Amino acid sequence: PLPPGLLPAGVAEDDPDVVEHAICAAYLPLFVSFLAADMGANCWRLLMYVDLIVVYHNPFRTTTGRPLYHIAVLLAAALWALALSDTSVLCTSSDGSGSLNLQTLTVSLVYAPFCLFVFGGGTLY
């Protein structure tokens, strides 16, 4: 069941269109935090390769950039969350009553990690 007060008065909980719109409004912080955590995980994966290249180039100073890795991941995840926190980006309407925007999810979960690895990882060599 949906949380109380989520649906407009007189709307049945079994109406799929209304429930879909209500889910976007109710769970927007959850979606944003999930997508930001996914971006952070992808940044950590990319930084694993960056760290291997750094160690390969100078095996005697292996901790050269490691303190900056945490800052880079937190900054990337925070910027991604800030970009997605605008309601009109993740939901199809600006007031949060629209359904979940599938194009945003596709870009966030498929194309952004792909571009991060192909273009970011491709510059390592």
C-alpha atoms as a PDB file:
ATOM      1  CA  PRO A   1       0.000   0.000   0.000  1.00  0.00           C
ATOM      2  CA  LEU A   2       1.003   3.565  -0.644  1.00  0.00           C
ATOM      3  CA  PRO A   3       1.749   5.978   2.196  1.00  0.00           C
ATOM      4  CA  PRO A   4      -1.317   7.886   3.444  1.00  0.00           C
ATOM      5  CA  GLY A   5      -1.942  11.254   1.830  1.00  0.00           C
ATOM      6  CA  LEU A   6       0.013  10.381  -1.288  1.00  0.00           C
ATOM      7  CA  LEU A   7      -2.939  10.060  -3.633  1.00  0.00           C
ATOM      8  CA  PRO A   8      -5.441  12.840  -4.290  1.00  0.00           C
ATOM      9  CA  ALA A   9      -8.818  12.556  -2.567  1.00  0.00           C
ATOM     10  CA  GLY A  10     -11.249  10.228  -4.292  1.00  0.00           C
ATOM     11  CA  VAL A  11      -8.624   8.376  -6.324  1.00  0.00           C
ATOM     12  CA  ALA A  12      -8.484   4.621  -6.020  1.00  0.00           C
ATOM     13  CA  GLU A  13      -5.188   2.950  -5.196  1.00  0.00           C
ATOM     14  CA  ASP A  14      -5.676   0.399  -7.948  1.00  0.00           C
ATOM     15  CA  ASP A  15      -5.639   2.980 -10.763  1.00  0.00           C
ATOM     16  CA  PRO A  16      -2.251   2.242 -12.426  1.00  0.00           C
ATOM     17  CA  ASP A  17      -1.780   5.676 -13.999  1.00  0.00           C
ATOM     18  CA  VAL A  18      -2.333   7.527 -10.753  1.00  0.00           C
ATOM     19  CA  VAL A  19      -0.131   5.156  -8.769  1.00  0.00           C
ATOM     20  CA  GLU A  20       2.704   5.534 -11.275  1.00  0.00           C
ATOM     21  CA  HIS A  21       2.545   9.322 -10.973  1.00  0.00           C
ATOM     22  CA  ALA A  22       2.385   9.127  -7.189  1.00  0.00           C
ATOM     23  CA  ILE A  23       5.424   6.866  -7.039  1.00  0.00           C
ATOM     24  CA  CYS A  24       7.578   9.442  -8.799  1.00  0.00           C
ATOM     25  CA  ALA A  25       6.551  12.154  -6.369  1.00  0.00           C
ATOM     26  CA  ALA A  26       6.897  10.011  -3.259  1.00  0.00           C
ATOM     27  CA  TYR A  27      10.137   8.239  -4.021  1.00  0.00           C
ATOM     28  CA  LEU A  28      12.059  11.030  -5.778  1.00  0.00           C
ATOM     29  CA  PRO A  29      14.729  11.235  -3.021  1.00  0.00           C
ATOM     30  CA  LEU A  30      15.192   7.470  -3.202  1.00  0.00           C
ATOM     31  CA  PHE A  31      15.638   7.531  -6.982  1.00  0.00           C
ATOM     32  CA  VAL A  32      18.099  10.444  -6.784  1.00  0.00           C
ATOM     33  CA  SER A  33      20.157   8.788  -4.045  1.00  0.00           C
ATOM     34  CA  PHE A  34      20.184   5.463  -5.920  1.00  0.00           C
ATOM     35  CA  LEU A  35      21.386   7.093  -9.134  1.00  0.00           C
ATOM     36  CA  ALA A  36      24.014   9.144  -7.271  1.00  0.00           C
ATOM     37  CA  ALA A  37      25.318   5.987  -5.560  1.00  0.00           C
ATOM     38  CA  ASP A  38      25.459   4.263  -8.936  1.00  0.00           C
ATOM     39  CA  MET A  39      27.498   7.137 -10.349  1.00  0.00           C
ATOM     40  CA  GLY A  40      29.832   6.949  -7.359  1.00  0.00           C
ATOM     41  CA  ALA A  41      30.295   3.207  -7.875  1.00  0.00           C
ATOM     42  CA  ASN A  42      31.111   3.734 -11.536  1.00  0.00           C
ATOM     43  CA  CYS A  43      33.630   6.432 -10.611  1.00  0.00           C
ATOM     44  CA  TRP A  44      35.300   4.023  -8.190  1.00  0.00           C
ATOM     45  CA  ARG A  45      35.528   1.430 -10.953  1.00  0.00           C
ATOM     46  CA  LEU A  46      37.154   3.937 -13.273  1.00  0.00           C
ATOM     47  CA  LEU A  47      39.538   5.109 -10.556  1.00  0.00           C
ATOM     48  CA  MET A  48      40.663   1.530 -10.052  1.00  0.00           C
ATOM     49  CA  TYR A  49      42.107   1.627 -13.568  1.00  0.00           C
ATOM     50  CA  VAL A  50      43.513   5.112 -12.999  1.00  0.00           C
ATOM     51  CA  ASP A  51      45.295   3.838  -9.896  1.00  0.00           C
ATOM     52  CA  LEU A  52      46.769   0.918 -11.829  1.00  0.00           C
ATOM     53  CA  ILE A  53      48.135   3.309 -14.447  1.00  0.00           C
ATOM     54  CA  VAL A  54      49.575   5.602 -11.750  1.00  0.00           C
ATOM     55  CA  VAL A  55      51.324   2.668 -10.063  1.00  0.00           C
ATOM     56  CA  TYR A  56      52.549   1.369 -13.411  1.00  0.00           C
ATOM     57  CA  HIS A  57      54.086   4.725 -14.347  1.00  0.00           C
ATOM     58  CA  ASN A  58      55.816   5.267 -10.993  1.00  0.00           C
ATOM     59  CA  PRO A  59      55.950   2.161  -8.785  1.00  0.00           C
ATOM     60  CA  PHE A  60      57.992   3.963  -6.113  1.00  0.00           C
ATOM     61  CA  ARG A  61      55.322   6.607  -5.355  1.00  0.00           C
ATOM     62  CA  THR A  62      52.123   4.592  -5.385  1.00  0.00           C
ATOM     63  CA  THR A  63      50.075   6.931  -3.192  1.00  0.00           C
ATOM     64  CA  THR A  64      50.476  10.001  -5.411  1.00  0.00           C
ATOM     65  CA  GLY A  65      46.836  10.687  -6.147  1.00  0.00           C
ATOM     66  CA  ARG A  66      44.997   8.371  -3.783  1.00  0.00           C
ATOM     67  CA  PRO A  67      43.858  11.045  -1.306  1.00  0.00           C
ATOM     68  CA  LEU A  68      42.080  12.799  -4.169  1.00  0.00           C
ATOM     69  CA  TYR A  69      40.109   9.720  -5.226  1.00  0.00           C
ATOM     70  CA  HIS A  70      37.599  10.041  -2.391  1.00  0.00           C
ATOM     71  CA  ILE A  71      37.039  13.710  -3.145  1.00  0.00           C
ATOM     72  CA  ALA A  72      36.591  13.010  -6.866  1.00  0.00           C
ATOM     73  CA  VAL A  73      34.004  10.278  -6.228  1.00  0.00           C
ATOM     74  CA  LEU A  74      32.056  12.352  -3.699  1.00  0.00           C
ATOM     75  CA  LEU A  75      32.122  15.364  -6.003  1.00  0.00           C
ATOM     76  CA  ALA A  76      30.926  13.342  -9.015  1.00  0.00           C
ATOM     77  CA  ALA A  77      28.112  11.714  -7.020  1.00  0.00           C
ATOM     78  CA  ALA A  78      27.057  15.048  -5.503  1.00  0.00           C
ATOM     79  CA  LEU A  79      27.009  16.793  -8.875  1.00  0.00           C
ATOM     80  CA  TRP A  80      25.023  13.924 -10.385  1.00  0.00           C
ATOM     81  CA  ALA A  81      22.519  14.067  -7.519  1.00  0.00           C
ATOM     82  CA  LEU A  82      22.251  17.833  -7.887  1.00  0.00           C
ATOM     83  CA  ALA A  83      21.588  17.504 -11.625  1.00  0.00           C
ATOM     84  CA  LEU A  84      18.924  14.846 -11.048  1.00  0.00           C
ATOM     85  CA  SER A  85      17.296  16.504  -8.049  1.00  0.00           C
ATOM     86  CA  ASP A  86      15.433  18.908 -10.292  1.00  0.00           C
ATOM     87  CA  THR A  87      11.972  17.377 -10.365  1.00  0.00           C
ATOM     88  CA  SER A  88      11.456  17.924 -14.080  1.00  0.00           C
ATOM     89  CA  VAL A  89      14.541  15.831 -14.913  1.00  0.00           C
ATOM     90  CA  LEU A  90      13.522  12.631 -13.150  1.00  0.00           C
ATOM     91  CA  CYS A  91       9.727  12.990 -13.359  1.00  0.00           C
ATOM     92  CA  THR A  92       7.884  13.883 -16.554  1.00  0.00           C
ATOM     93  CA  SER A  93       6.254  16.966 -15.038  1.00  0.00           C
ATOM     94  CA  SER A  94       7.830  19.815 -13.119  1.00  0.00           C
ATOM     95  CA  ASP A  95       5.647  19.442 -10.010  1.00  0.00           C
ATOM     96  CA  GLY A  96       6.611  15.811  -9.445  1.00  0.00           C
ATOM     97  CA  SER A  97       3.192  14.451 -10.350  1.00  0.00           C
ATOM     98  CA  GLY A  98       4.345  12.957 -13.644  1.00  0.00           C
ATOM     99  CA  SER A  99       5.526   9.434 -14.192  1.00  0.00           C
ATOM    100  CA  LEU A 100       9.152   8.404 -13.944  1.00  0.00           C
ATOM    101  CA  ASN A 101      11.176   9.639 -16.908  1.00  0.00           C
ATOM    102  CA  LEU A 102      12.596   6.523 -18.570  1.00  0.00           C
ATOM    103  CA  GLN A 103      15.007   8.531 -20.724  1.00  0.00           C
ATOM    104  CA  THR A 104      16.670   9.914 -17.599  1.00  0.00           C
ATOM    105  CA  LEU A 105      16.965   6.425 -16.136  1.00  0.00           C
ATOM    106  CA  THR A 106      18.427   5.113 -19.393  1.00  0.00           C
ATOM    107  CA  VAL A 107      20.993   7.897 -19.544  1.00  0.00           C
ATOM    108  CA  SER A 108      21.846   7.495 -15.851  1.00  0.00           C
ATOM    109  CA  LEU A 109      22.126   3.723 -15.750  1.00  0.00           C
ATOM    110  CA  VAL A 110      23.367   2.878 -19.269  1.00  0.00           C
ATOM    111  CA  TYR A 111      24.847   5.743 -21.278  1.00  0.00           C
ATOM    112  CA  ALA A 112      26.617   7.715 -18.518  1.00  0.00           C
ATOM    113  CA  PRO A 113      28.599   4.713 -17.220  1.00  0.00           C
ATOM    114  CA  PHE A 114      29.390   3.663 -20.785  1.00  0.00           C
ATOM    115  CA  CYS A 115      30.694   7.119 -21.674  1.00  0.00           C
ATOM    116  CA  LEU A 116      32.587   7.310 -18.388  1.00  0.00           C
ATOM    117  CA  PHE A 117      34.469   4.112 -19.147  1.00  0.00           C
ATOM    118  CA  VAL A 118      34.929   4.587 -22.894  1.00  0.00           C
ATOM    119  CA  PHE A 119      35.974   8.243 -22.900  1.00  0.00           C
ATOM    120  CA  GLY A 120      37.439   8.486 -19.408  1.00  0.00           C
ATOM    121  CA  GLY A 121      39.162   5.120 -19.571  1.00  0.00           C
ATOM    122  CA  GLY A 122      40.201   5.657 -23.163  1.00  0.00           C
ATOM    123  CA  THR A 123      42.261   8.693 -22.198  1.00  0.00           C
ATOM    124  CA  LEU A 124      44.417   6.555 -19.902  1.00  0.00           C
ATOM    125  CA  TYR A 125      46.338   4.989 -22.755  1.00  0.00           C
END
